[in-house]
N, C-alpha and C. Protein backbone atom coordinates (compact mmCIF):
# COMPACT_ATOMS: atom_id res chain seq x y z
N MET A 1 0.84 -1.19 0.00
CA MET A 1 0.00 0.00 0.00
C MET A 1 0.88 1.24 0.00
N GLU A 2 0.57 2.22 -0.82
CA GLU A 2 1.43 3.37 -1.00
C GLU A 2 1.63 4.16 0.27
N ALA A 3 0.60 4.24 1.12
CA ALA A 3 0.65 5.09 2.30
C ALA A 3 1.73 4.69 3.28
N VAL A 4 2.13 3.42 3.29
CA VAL A 4 3.07 2.98 4.29
C VAL A 4 4.51 2.97 3.79
N LYS A 5 4.74 3.46 2.58
CA LYS A 5 6.10 3.53 2.08
C LYS A 5 6.78 4.77 2.64
N HIS A 6 7.95 4.59 3.22
CA HIS A 6 8.66 5.70 3.82
C HIS A 6 9.79 6.14 2.89
N HIS A 7 10.11 7.41 2.93
CA HIS A 7 11.25 7.92 2.20
C HIS A 7 12.32 8.28 3.23
N ASP A 8 13.56 8.15 2.85
CA ASP A 8 14.66 8.37 3.78
C ASP A 8 14.97 9.86 3.86
N SER A 9 14.03 10.64 4.34
CA SER A 9 14.24 12.06 4.55
C SER A 9 14.52 12.29 6.02
N ALA A 10 15.07 13.46 6.33
CA ALA A 10 15.35 13.78 7.72
C ALA A 10 14.07 13.77 8.54
N ARG A 11 12.99 14.28 7.96
CA ARG A 11 11.73 14.32 8.70
C ARG A 11 11.23 12.91 8.99
N ASP A 12 11.33 12.00 8.03
CA ASP A 12 10.91 10.61 8.28
C ASP A 12 11.78 9.96 9.34
N ARG A 13 13.08 10.22 9.31
CA ARG A 13 13.96 9.64 10.32
C ARG A 13 13.62 10.17 11.70
N ILE A 14 13.28 11.44 11.78
CA ILE A 14 12.89 12.02 13.06
C ILE A 14 11.62 11.36 13.58
N LEU A 15 10.62 11.21 12.72
CA LEU A 15 9.36 10.61 13.15
C LEU A 15 9.52 9.14 13.52
N ASP A 16 10.36 8.43 12.77
CA ASP A 16 10.63 7.03 13.11
C ASP A 16 11.29 6.93 14.47
N ALA A 17 12.29 7.77 14.70
CA ALA A 17 13.01 7.75 15.98
C ALA A 17 12.08 8.16 17.12
N ALA A 18 11.26 9.16 16.89
CA ALA A 18 10.33 9.62 17.92
C ALA A 18 9.31 8.54 18.26
N GLU A 19 8.81 7.85 17.25
CA GLU A 19 7.85 6.78 17.48
C GLU A 19 8.47 5.68 18.34
N ARG A 20 9.71 5.32 18.02
CA ARG A 20 10.40 4.30 18.84
C ARG A 20 10.57 4.78 20.27
N ALA A 21 10.96 6.04 20.42
CA ALA A 21 11.23 6.58 21.76
C ALA A 21 9.95 6.71 22.58
N PHE A 22 8.91 7.28 22.01
CA PHE A 22 7.65 7.41 22.74
C PHE A 22 7.07 6.04 23.07
N GLY A 23 7.24 5.08 22.18
CA GLY A 23 6.76 3.74 22.44
C GLY A 23 7.51 3.06 23.57
N ALA A 24 8.81 3.30 23.64
CA ALA A 24 9.63 2.65 24.66
C ALA A 24 9.49 3.30 26.03
N ASP A 25 9.44 4.63 26.07
CA ASP A 25 9.55 5.34 27.35
C ASP A 25 8.37 6.25 27.67
N GLY A 26 7.38 6.31 26.80
CA GLY A 26 6.25 7.19 27.05
C GLY A 26 6.60 8.65 26.78
N PHE A 27 5.58 9.49 26.79
CA PHE A 27 5.80 10.90 26.48
C PHE A 27 6.73 11.56 27.48
N THR A 28 6.51 11.32 28.77
CA THR A 28 7.30 12.02 29.78
C THR A 28 8.73 11.51 29.88
N GLY A 29 8.97 10.28 29.45
CA GLY A 29 10.30 9.71 29.60
C GLY A 29 11.24 9.98 28.45
N VAL A 30 10.80 10.75 27.47
CA VAL A 30 11.57 10.97 26.25
C VAL A 30 12.13 12.38 26.22
N GLY A 31 13.39 12.50 25.77
CA GLY A 31 14.00 13.81 25.57
C GLY A 31 14.26 14.06 24.10
N MET A 32 14.16 15.31 23.70
CA MET A 32 14.39 15.67 22.29
C MET A 32 15.83 15.37 21.87
N LYS A 33 16.77 15.51 22.78
CA LYS A 33 18.17 15.26 22.46
C LYS A 33 18.37 13.80 22.05
N ALA A 34 17.78 12.89 22.81
CA ALA A 34 17.92 11.46 22.50
C ALA A 34 17.26 11.11 21.17
N ILE A 35 16.12 11.72 20.89
CA ILE A 35 15.45 11.46 19.61
C ILE A 35 16.30 11.95 18.46
N ALA A 36 16.87 13.15 18.61
CA ALA A 36 17.73 13.69 17.55
C ALA A 36 18.94 12.79 17.31
N ARG A 37 19.52 12.29 18.39
CA ARG A 37 20.68 11.41 18.26
C ARG A 37 20.31 10.13 17.52
N ASP A 38 19.17 9.54 17.88
CA ASP A 38 18.73 8.31 17.21
C ASP A 38 18.41 8.56 15.74
N ALA A 39 17.87 9.73 15.43
CA ALA A 39 17.52 10.06 14.05
C ALA A 39 18.73 10.48 13.23
N GLY A 40 19.85 10.78 13.90
CA GLY A 40 21.05 11.22 13.20
C GLY A 40 20.95 12.63 12.65
N VAL A 41 20.24 13.50 13.39
CA VAL A 41 20.09 14.89 12.97
C VAL A 41 20.40 15.81 14.14
N ALA A 42 20.61 17.07 13.84
CA ALA A 42 20.82 18.07 14.88
C ALA A 42 19.51 18.30 15.64
N GLN A 43 19.62 18.52 16.94
CA GLN A 43 18.41 18.73 17.74
C GLN A 43 17.62 19.94 17.25
N GLY A 44 18.31 20.94 16.74
CA GLY A 44 17.62 22.12 16.24
C GLY A 44 16.66 21.81 15.12
N LEU A 45 16.93 20.74 14.36
CA LEU A 45 16.03 20.38 13.26
C LEU A 45 14.68 19.89 13.79
N LEU A 46 14.69 19.24 14.95
CA LEU A 46 13.43 18.82 15.57
C LEU A 46 12.58 20.03 15.91
N HIS A 47 13.22 21.03 16.50
CA HIS A 47 12.48 22.24 16.89
C HIS A 47 12.04 23.02 15.66
N TYR A 48 12.83 22.97 14.60
CA TYR A 48 12.48 23.67 13.37
C TYR A 48 11.20 23.09 12.76
N HIS A 49 11.13 21.76 12.72
CA HIS A 49 9.97 21.11 12.10
C HIS A 49 8.76 21.02 13.03
N TYR A 50 9.01 20.80 14.34
CA TYR A 50 7.90 20.45 15.23
C TYR A 50 7.78 21.36 16.45
N ASP A 51 8.62 22.35 16.58
CA ASP A 51 8.56 23.35 17.64
C ASP A 51 8.97 22.79 19.00
N ASN A 52 8.24 21.79 19.50
CA ASN A 52 8.55 21.24 20.82
C ASN A 52 8.14 19.77 20.86
N LYS A 53 8.30 19.17 22.05
CA LYS A 53 8.01 17.74 22.17
C LYS A 53 6.53 17.45 21.93
N GLU A 54 5.65 18.33 22.39
CA GLU A 54 4.22 18.13 22.15
C GLU A 54 3.91 18.11 20.65
N GLY A 55 4.56 19.02 19.91
CA GLY A 55 4.34 19.05 18.47
C GLY A 55 4.87 17.81 17.77
N LEU A 56 6.00 17.30 18.24
CA LEU A 56 6.58 16.09 17.66
C LEU A 56 5.70 14.88 17.96
N TYR A 57 5.21 14.80 19.18
CA TYR A 57 4.32 13.70 19.56
C TYR A 57 3.06 13.71 18.71
N ALA A 58 2.49 14.90 18.53
CA ALA A 58 1.28 15.02 17.70
C ALA A 58 1.56 14.61 16.26
N ALA A 59 2.75 14.93 15.76
CA ALA A 59 3.11 14.57 14.39
C ALA A 59 3.25 13.06 14.24
N VAL A 60 3.78 12.40 15.26
CA VAL A 60 3.89 10.94 15.24
C VAL A 60 2.49 10.32 15.15
N ILE A 61 1.56 10.82 15.97
CA ILE A 61 0.19 10.30 15.96
C ILE A 61 -0.47 10.57 14.61
N ALA A 62 -0.27 11.79 14.09
CA ALA A 62 -0.90 12.15 12.81
C ALA A 62 -0.41 11.26 11.68
N ARG A 63 0.89 11.00 11.64
CA ARG A 63 1.42 10.17 10.55
C ARG A 63 0.91 8.74 10.64
N ARG A 64 1.03 8.14 11.82
CA ARG A 64 0.66 6.73 11.95
C ARG A 64 -0.84 6.54 11.79
N SER A 65 -1.62 7.43 12.37
CA SER A 65 -3.07 7.31 12.21
C SER A 65 -3.48 7.48 10.75
N GLY A 66 -2.73 8.31 10.02
CA GLY A 66 -3.02 8.46 8.59
C GLY A 66 -2.82 7.17 7.83
N PHE A 67 -1.73 6.45 8.13
CA PHE A 67 -1.49 5.16 7.50
C PHE A 67 -2.61 4.17 7.83
N ILE A 68 -2.93 4.08 9.15
CA ILE A 68 -3.92 3.11 9.60
C ILE A 68 -5.30 3.43 9.04
N ASN A 69 -5.70 4.70 9.15
CA ASN A 69 -7.04 5.08 8.69
C ASN A 69 -7.21 4.88 7.19
N ALA A 70 -6.17 5.19 6.42
CA ALA A 70 -6.27 5.03 4.97
C ALA A 70 -6.51 3.57 4.60
N GLU A 71 -5.77 2.66 5.25
CA GLU A 71 -5.96 1.24 4.94
C GLU A 71 -7.31 0.74 5.45
N ARG A 72 -7.70 1.21 6.64
CA ARG A 72 -9.01 0.80 7.16
C ARG A 72 -10.13 1.18 6.20
N LEU A 73 -10.12 2.42 5.75
CA LEU A 73 -11.20 2.89 4.88
C LEU A 73 -11.17 2.21 3.52
N GLU A 74 -9.97 1.92 3.04
CA GLU A 74 -9.86 1.18 1.77
C GLU A 74 -10.50 -0.19 1.90
N LYS A 75 -10.24 -0.87 3.01
CA LYS A 75 -10.83 -2.19 3.22
C LYS A 75 -12.34 -2.09 3.47
N LEU A 76 -12.76 -1.06 4.18
CA LEU A 76 -14.18 -0.89 4.47
C LEU A 76 -14.98 -0.70 3.19
N GLU A 77 -14.39 0.02 2.23
CA GLU A 77 -15.08 0.27 0.96
C GLU A 77 -15.37 -1.03 0.21
N GLN A 78 -14.62 -2.08 0.51
CA GLN A 78 -14.78 -3.35 -0.19
C GLN A 78 -15.82 -4.26 0.46
N VAL A 79 -16.36 -3.85 1.60
CA VAL A 79 -17.31 -4.69 2.33
C VAL A 79 -18.72 -4.53 1.75
N ASP A 80 -19.37 -5.66 1.50
CA ASP A 80 -20.77 -5.67 1.08
C ASP A 80 -21.62 -5.58 2.34
N LEU A 81 -22.18 -4.41 2.60
CA LEU A 81 -22.92 -4.19 3.84
C LEU A 81 -24.26 -4.90 3.87
N THR A 82 -24.67 -5.48 2.76
CA THR A 82 -25.92 -6.25 2.73
C THR A 82 -25.70 -7.73 3.01
N SER A 83 -24.44 -8.13 3.11
CA SER A 83 -24.11 -9.54 3.33
C SER A 83 -24.40 -9.94 4.78
N PRO A 84 -24.83 -11.19 5.01
CA PRO A 84 -25.02 -11.67 6.38
C PRO A 84 -23.72 -11.65 7.19
N GLU A 85 -22.59 -11.70 6.49
CA GLU A 85 -21.29 -11.69 7.17
C GLU A 85 -20.69 -10.28 7.22
N ALA A 86 -21.51 -9.26 7.00
CA ALA A 86 -20.98 -7.89 6.90
C ALA A 86 -20.24 -7.48 8.17
N LEU A 87 -20.79 -7.77 9.34
CA LEU A 87 -20.13 -7.34 10.58
C LEU A 87 -18.75 -7.96 10.70
N THR A 88 -18.62 -9.23 10.36
CA THR A 88 -17.31 -9.88 10.39
C THR A 88 -16.32 -9.15 9.50
N HIS A 89 -16.73 -8.79 8.30
CA HIS A 89 -15.82 -8.13 7.36
C HIS A 89 -15.52 -6.69 7.78
N ILE A 90 -16.49 -6.02 8.37
CA ILE A 90 -16.24 -4.67 8.89
C ILE A 90 -15.18 -4.72 9.98
N LEU A 91 -15.30 -5.68 10.87
CA LEU A 91 -14.34 -5.80 11.97
C LEU A 91 -12.96 -6.19 11.47
N ARG A 92 -12.90 -7.02 10.45
CA ARG A 92 -11.60 -7.35 9.86
C ARG A 92 -10.97 -6.09 9.26
N ALA A 93 -11.78 -5.28 8.60
CA ALA A 93 -11.26 -4.04 8.01
C ALA A 93 -10.74 -3.10 9.08
N PHE A 94 -11.35 -3.12 10.24
CA PHE A 94 -10.92 -2.27 11.35
C PHE A 94 -9.69 -2.81 12.06
N LEU A 95 -9.66 -4.11 12.31
CA LEU A 95 -8.63 -4.70 13.16
C LEU A 95 -7.35 -5.07 12.42
N GLU A 96 -7.45 -5.40 11.14
CA GLU A 96 -6.28 -5.91 10.43
C GLU A 96 -5.18 -4.87 10.20
N PRO A 97 -5.48 -3.64 9.77
CA PRO A 97 -4.39 -2.69 9.46
C PRO A 97 -3.42 -2.44 10.61
N PRO A 98 -3.87 -2.24 11.86
CA PRO A 98 -2.90 -2.01 12.93
C PRO A 98 -2.01 -3.21 13.22
N LEU A 99 -2.47 -4.41 12.84
CA LEU A 99 -1.67 -5.61 13.06
C LEU A 99 -0.62 -5.82 11.97
N GLY A 100 -0.72 -5.06 10.88
CA GLY A 100 0.19 -5.22 9.75
C GLY A 100 1.17 -4.08 9.63
N GLU A 101 1.64 -3.86 8.40
CA GLU A 101 2.69 -2.87 8.15
C GLU A 101 2.24 -1.46 8.51
N SER A 102 0.98 -1.15 8.32
CA SER A 102 0.49 0.20 8.62
C SER A 102 0.57 0.53 10.10
N GLY A 103 0.55 -0.52 10.94
CA GLY A 103 0.38 -0.30 12.37
C GLY A 103 1.58 0.18 13.15
N GLY A 104 2.77 0.05 12.61
CA GLY A 104 3.95 0.54 13.31
C GLY A 104 4.54 -0.39 14.35
N GLY A 105 4.03 -1.61 14.44
CA GLY A 105 4.63 -2.60 15.33
C GLY A 105 4.46 -2.28 16.81
N GLN A 106 5.37 -2.84 17.61
CA GLN A 106 5.29 -2.72 19.06
C GLN A 106 5.40 -1.29 19.54
N ALA A 107 6.18 -0.48 18.85
CA ALA A 107 6.37 0.91 19.29
C ALA A 107 5.04 1.66 19.31
N TYR A 108 4.33 1.62 18.19
CA TYR A 108 3.07 2.36 18.16
C TYR A 108 1.99 1.66 18.96
N ALA A 109 2.08 0.35 19.13
CA ALA A 109 1.11 -0.35 19.98
C ALA A 109 1.13 0.22 21.39
N ARG A 110 2.33 0.49 21.90
CA ARG A 110 2.43 1.06 23.25
C ARG A 110 1.93 2.50 23.28
N ILE A 111 2.19 3.26 22.21
CA ILE A 111 1.67 4.62 22.13
C ILE A 111 0.14 4.58 22.10
N LEU A 112 -0.42 3.67 21.32
CA LEU A 112 -1.87 3.55 21.22
C LEU A 112 -2.49 3.20 22.57
N ALA A 113 -1.83 2.33 23.31
CA ALA A 113 -2.32 1.99 24.65
C ALA A 113 -2.36 3.23 25.53
N GLY A 114 -1.34 4.07 25.42
CA GLY A 114 -1.32 5.30 26.19
C GLY A 114 -2.41 6.26 25.77
N LEU A 115 -2.67 6.34 24.47
CA LEU A 115 -3.73 7.22 23.98
C LEU A 115 -5.09 6.80 24.52
N CYS A 116 -5.30 5.50 24.65
CA CYS A 116 -6.60 5.00 25.10
C CYS A 116 -6.89 5.37 26.55
N ALA A 117 -5.84 5.52 27.34
CA ALA A 117 -6.03 5.81 28.77
C ALA A 117 -5.32 7.10 29.16
N GLY A 118 -5.19 8.01 28.21
CA GLY A 118 -4.38 9.20 28.42
C GLY A 118 -5.13 10.37 29.02
N ASP A 119 -4.43 11.52 28.99
CA ASP A 119 -4.97 12.75 29.56
C ASP A 119 -5.72 13.55 28.50
N ALA A 120 -5.99 14.81 28.81
CA ALA A 120 -6.76 15.65 27.88
C ALA A 120 -6.04 15.82 26.55
N ARG A 121 -4.70 15.88 26.57
CA ARG A 121 -3.94 16.01 25.32
C ARG A 121 -4.16 14.78 24.45
N ASP A 122 -4.08 13.60 25.05
CA ASP A 122 -4.28 12.37 24.28
C ASP A 122 -5.71 12.26 23.77
N GLU A 123 -6.67 12.65 24.60
CA GLU A 123 -8.06 12.60 24.17
C GLU A 123 -8.29 13.51 22.97
N ASP A 124 -7.66 14.69 22.98
CA ASP A 124 -7.78 15.61 21.85
C ASP A 124 -7.17 15.01 20.59
N LEU A 125 -6.02 14.33 20.74
CA LEU A 125 -5.38 13.70 19.58
C LEU A 125 -6.25 12.59 19.00
N VAL A 126 -6.85 11.80 19.88
CA VAL A 126 -7.75 10.74 19.42
C VAL A 126 -8.93 11.35 18.66
N GLN A 127 -9.50 12.41 19.22
CA GLN A 127 -10.64 13.05 18.57
C GLN A 127 -10.26 13.59 17.20
N ARG A 128 -9.09 14.21 17.10
CA ARG A 128 -8.68 14.83 15.83
C ARG A 128 -8.32 13.80 14.77
N HIS A 129 -7.68 12.71 15.20
CA HIS A 129 -7.09 11.80 14.21
C HIS A 129 -7.83 10.47 14.05
N TYR A 130 -8.75 10.16 14.96
CA TYR A 130 -9.42 8.86 14.86
C TYR A 130 -10.94 8.93 14.82
N ASP A 131 -11.54 9.99 15.35
CA ASP A 131 -13.00 9.99 15.49
C ASP A 131 -13.74 9.94 14.15
N GLU A 132 -13.24 10.65 13.16
CA GLU A 132 -13.95 10.67 11.87
C GLU A 132 -14.03 9.27 11.27
N THR A 133 -12.89 8.56 11.30
CA THR A 133 -12.89 7.19 10.79
C THR A 133 -13.74 6.28 11.66
N ALA A 134 -13.70 6.49 12.97
CA ALA A 134 -14.53 5.68 13.87
C ALA A 134 -16.00 5.81 13.51
N LYS A 135 -16.45 7.04 13.24
CA LYS A 135 -17.85 7.24 12.88
C LYS A 135 -18.20 6.55 11.56
N ARG A 136 -17.25 6.50 10.64
CA ARG A 136 -17.49 5.80 9.37
C ARG A 136 -17.73 4.31 9.64
N PHE A 137 -16.97 3.74 10.56
CA PHE A 137 -17.14 2.32 10.86
C PHE A 137 -18.45 2.08 11.61
N ILE A 138 -18.80 2.96 12.52
CA ILE A 138 -20.07 2.81 13.23
C ILE A 138 -21.23 2.97 12.26
N ASP A 139 -21.11 3.91 11.33
CA ASP A 139 -22.14 4.06 10.28
C ASP A 139 -22.29 2.76 9.49
N ALA A 140 -21.16 2.15 9.13
CA ALA A 140 -21.20 0.91 8.36
C ALA A 140 -21.87 -0.21 9.16
N MET A 141 -21.53 -0.31 10.45
CA MET A 141 -22.16 -1.34 11.28
C MET A 141 -23.66 -1.10 11.38
N GLN A 142 -24.04 0.17 11.49
CA GLN A 142 -25.47 0.47 11.60
C GLN A 142 -26.21 0.15 10.31
N GLN A 143 -25.55 0.37 9.19
CA GLN A 143 -26.17 0.03 7.91
C GLN A 143 -26.30 -1.49 7.76
N ALA A 144 -25.29 -2.21 8.24
CA ALA A 144 -25.32 -3.67 8.15
C ALA A 144 -26.30 -4.28 9.15
N LEU A 145 -26.49 -3.59 10.29
CA LEU A 145 -27.35 -4.08 11.37
C LEU A 145 -28.36 -2.99 11.71
N PRO A 146 -29.34 -2.75 10.87
CA PRO A 146 -30.24 -1.61 11.05
C PRO A 146 -31.07 -1.66 12.32
N ASP A 147 -31.20 -2.83 12.93
CA ASP A 147 -31.98 -2.93 14.17
C ASP A 147 -31.14 -2.66 15.42
N ALA A 148 -29.86 -2.39 15.24
CA ALA A 148 -28.97 -2.15 16.39
C ALA A 148 -29.03 -0.68 16.80
N SER A 149 -28.93 -0.43 18.11
CA SER A 149 -28.87 0.95 18.58
C SER A 149 -27.45 1.49 18.37
N ARG A 150 -27.35 2.77 18.05
CA ARG A 150 -26.04 3.36 17.78
C ARG A 150 -25.16 3.36 19.03
N ILE A 151 -25.76 3.54 20.20
CA ILE A 151 -24.95 3.56 21.42
C ILE A 151 -24.34 2.19 21.68
N ALA A 152 -25.06 1.11 21.38
CA ALA A 152 -24.49 -0.23 21.54
C ALA A 152 -23.32 -0.43 20.58
N LEU A 153 -23.48 0.04 19.34
CA LEU A 153 -22.40 -0.09 18.37
C LEU A 153 -21.20 0.78 18.75
N SER A 154 -21.47 1.95 19.32
CA SER A 154 -20.38 2.83 19.74
C SER A 154 -19.60 2.23 20.89
N TRP A 155 -20.30 1.65 21.85
CA TRP A 155 -19.62 0.96 22.94
C TRP A 155 -18.82 -0.23 22.40
N GLY A 156 -19.42 -0.97 21.49
CA GLY A 156 -18.70 -2.10 20.91
C GLY A 156 -17.44 -1.67 20.20
N TYR A 157 -17.52 -0.56 19.47
CA TYR A 157 -16.34 -0.04 18.77
C TYR A 157 -15.25 0.32 19.77
N ASN A 158 -15.61 1.03 20.83
CA ASN A 158 -14.61 1.44 21.80
C ASN A 158 -13.99 0.26 22.53
N LEU A 159 -14.79 -0.73 22.86
CA LEU A 159 -14.24 -1.92 23.51
C LEU A 159 -13.38 -2.72 22.56
N ALA A 160 -13.67 -2.63 21.26
CA ALA A 160 -12.82 -3.30 20.27
C ALA A 160 -11.41 -2.73 20.29
N ILE A 161 -11.28 -1.43 20.56
CA ILE A 161 -9.96 -0.82 20.60
C ILE A 161 -9.14 -1.40 21.75
N SER A 162 -9.76 -1.55 22.92
CA SER A 162 -9.05 -2.15 24.05
C SER A 162 -8.61 -3.57 23.73
N THR A 163 -9.48 -4.32 23.07
CA THR A 163 -9.14 -5.68 22.67
C THR A 163 -7.99 -5.67 21.66
N LEU A 164 -8.03 -4.71 20.74
CA LEU A 164 -6.95 -4.59 19.75
C LEU A 164 -5.62 -4.32 20.42
N VAL A 165 -5.59 -3.43 21.41
CA VAL A 165 -4.35 -3.12 22.11
C VAL A 165 -3.77 -4.38 22.74
N THR A 166 -4.63 -5.22 23.32
CA THR A 166 -4.16 -6.49 23.88
C THR A 166 -3.56 -7.37 22.80
N GLY A 167 -4.22 -7.45 21.65
CA GLY A 167 -3.70 -8.25 20.55
C GLY A 167 -2.38 -7.73 20.02
N LEU A 168 -2.22 -6.41 19.98
CA LEU A 168 -0.99 -5.82 19.48
C LEU A 168 0.20 -6.05 20.41
N SER A 169 -0.08 -6.32 21.68
CA SER A 169 1.01 -6.49 22.65
C SER A 169 1.84 -7.73 22.39
N LYS A 170 1.29 -8.68 21.63
CA LYS A 170 1.97 -9.95 21.33
C LYS A 170 2.40 -10.68 22.60
N SER A 171 1.62 -10.49 23.65
CA SER A 171 1.90 -11.16 24.91
C SER A 171 1.68 -12.66 24.77
N ARG A 172 2.54 -13.44 25.40
CA ARG A 172 2.33 -14.90 25.43
C ARG A 172 1.68 -15.33 26.75
N ARG A 173 1.08 -14.38 27.45
CA ARG A 173 0.43 -14.70 28.71
C ARG A 173 -0.68 -15.74 28.56
N PRO A 174 -1.51 -15.68 27.49
CA PRO A 174 -2.54 -16.72 27.37
C PRO A 174 -1.96 -18.13 27.39
N GLU A 175 -0.84 -18.33 26.70
CA GLU A 175 -0.20 -19.65 26.71
C GLU A 175 0.29 -19.99 28.12
N ARG A 176 0.82 -18.99 28.79
CA ARG A 176 1.33 -19.24 30.14
C ARG A 176 0.19 -19.63 31.08
N LEU A 177 -0.94 -18.92 30.98
CA LEU A 177 -2.08 -19.23 31.83
C LEU A 177 -2.69 -20.58 31.48
N ALA A 178 -2.49 -21.02 30.24
CA ALA A 178 -2.99 -22.34 29.82
C ALA A 178 -1.97 -23.43 30.11
N ASP A 179 -0.89 -23.07 30.84
CA ASP A 179 0.17 -24.02 31.18
C ASP A 179 0.83 -24.61 29.94
N GLN A 180 0.96 -23.79 28.91
CA GLN A 180 1.68 -24.19 27.70
C GLN A 180 2.99 -23.41 27.62
N ASP A 181 3.99 -24.05 27.07
CA ASP A 181 5.27 -23.38 26.87
C ASP A 181 5.10 -22.37 25.74
N PRO A 182 5.24 -21.06 26.03
CA PRO A 182 5.04 -20.05 24.98
C PRO A 182 5.95 -20.25 23.78
N HIS A 183 7.11 -20.87 24.01
CA HIS A 183 8.07 -21.05 22.93
C HIS A 183 7.82 -22.32 22.12
N GLN A 184 6.99 -23.21 22.66
CA GLN A 184 6.71 -24.46 21.98
C GLN A 184 5.33 -24.47 21.31
N SER A 185 4.42 -23.65 21.81
CA SER A 185 3.06 -23.67 21.26
C SER A 185 3.03 -22.98 19.90
N GLU A 186 2.02 -23.34 19.10
CA GLU A 186 1.88 -22.75 17.79
C GLU A 186 1.47 -21.28 17.91
N GLU A 187 1.87 -20.49 16.93
CA GLU A 187 1.48 -19.07 16.92
C GLU A 187 -0.04 -18.97 16.80
N TRP A 188 -0.64 -18.22 17.72
CA TRP A 188 -2.09 -18.07 17.73
C TRP A 188 -2.51 -17.12 16.62
N ASP A 189 -3.66 -17.40 16.02
CA ASP A 189 -4.19 -16.54 14.96
C ASP A 189 -4.84 -15.32 15.61
N VAL A 190 -4.05 -14.27 15.79
CA VAL A 190 -4.51 -13.11 16.55
C VAL A 190 -5.68 -12.42 15.87
N LEU A 191 -5.59 -12.20 14.57
CA LEU A 191 -6.64 -11.46 13.88
C LEU A 191 -7.99 -12.15 14.00
N ASN A 192 -8.04 -13.44 13.67
CA ASN A 192 -9.32 -14.15 13.74
C ASN A 192 -9.83 -14.26 15.17
N THR A 193 -8.91 -14.36 16.13
CA THR A 193 -9.32 -14.38 17.54
C THR A 193 -9.98 -13.07 17.92
N LEU A 194 -9.36 -11.95 17.53
CA LEU A 194 -9.92 -10.64 17.86
C LEU A 194 -11.27 -10.44 17.19
N VAL A 195 -11.37 -10.80 15.91
CA VAL A 195 -12.63 -10.62 15.18
C VAL A 195 -13.74 -11.43 15.84
N THR A 196 -13.46 -12.68 16.17
CA THR A 196 -14.46 -13.54 16.79
C THR A 196 -14.92 -12.99 18.13
N TYR A 197 -13.95 -12.56 18.94
CA TYR A 197 -14.25 -12.05 20.28
C TYR A 197 -15.05 -10.75 20.21
N VAL A 198 -14.59 -9.82 19.38
CA VAL A 198 -15.27 -8.52 19.28
C VAL A 198 -16.66 -8.67 18.68
N GLU A 199 -16.79 -9.51 17.65
CA GLU A 199 -18.11 -9.69 17.04
C GLU A 199 -19.10 -10.27 18.05
N GLY A 200 -18.65 -11.25 18.82
CA GLY A 200 -19.54 -11.81 19.84
C GLY A 200 -19.96 -10.78 20.86
N GLY A 201 -19.01 -9.93 21.27
CA GLY A 201 -19.33 -8.89 22.23
C GLY A 201 -20.31 -7.87 21.69
N ILE A 202 -20.11 -7.45 20.44
CA ILE A 202 -21.01 -6.46 19.83
C ILE A 202 -22.41 -7.03 19.70
N ARG A 203 -22.51 -8.27 19.27
CA ARG A 203 -23.85 -8.87 19.12
C ARG A 203 -24.54 -9.01 20.48
N ALA A 204 -23.78 -9.28 21.52
CA ALA A 204 -24.36 -9.35 22.87
C ALA A 204 -24.83 -7.98 23.33
N LEU A 205 -24.05 -6.95 23.04
CA LEU A 205 -24.45 -5.58 23.40
C LEU A 205 -25.72 -5.16 22.67
N ILE A 206 -25.82 -5.54 21.40
CA ILE A 206 -27.01 -5.21 20.61
C ILE A 206 -28.25 -5.87 21.23
N ALA A 207 -28.11 -7.13 21.62
CA ALA A 207 -29.24 -7.85 22.22
C ALA A 207 -29.63 -7.25 23.57
N GLN A 208 -28.64 -6.76 24.29
CA GLN A 208 -28.88 -6.20 25.62
C GLN A 208 -29.44 -4.78 25.57
N ASN A 209 -29.17 -4.07 24.46
CA ASN A 209 -29.55 -2.67 24.35
C ASN A 209 -30.33 -2.44 23.06
N PRO A 210 -31.57 -2.93 22.99
CA PRO A 210 -32.35 -2.72 21.76
C PRO A 210 -32.65 -1.24 21.57
N PRO A 211 -32.79 -0.79 20.33
CA PRO A 211 -33.11 0.62 20.09
C PRO A 211 -34.49 0.96 20.64
N GLY A 212 -34.62 2.19 21.08
CA GLY A 212 -35.91 2.58 21.62
C GLY A 212 -35.90 4.01 22.08
């Protein structure tokens, strides 16, 4: 997909380094000097492009969310909303991009986890960079399931994000809790597991909260 191709520019190196740093140490644990060193640029270039750490953090979110949202919407456009399996395909369109190349791997997974439970700054970033696409997906679910209440679908969408963050963590805790050797067990099908779990939850919410 064209959106996820990076060019070796100073700005891309800065954003790549910042994403790694924010993912590893969180917003408060990161210094501009260390990011500049990892990117191989002068620290002044960070301030030139992004003004301060808040601006750089926002740019990291804007870039990665752009990649994810573009792929999500491309996949959503391919879903037949009249199909009995429409909800399954909508959820695959939502969940698959962050698990792939668009998602930014472990670094952005940790940033995303912080955004989900963050402060007013993080909430504003989520609203600016994710809400429009979120509404498109909720609209699609409502078209596919016309008898569902929008609030049930909205709750389902938000809970799907928490489930996605767990899937992105690549934790082997489930194997450990099942008394299986994480290094010997087969790789679990994360995408299909998430889709199955989220779809079941959304359908239960719809049944529990009929429109009225």
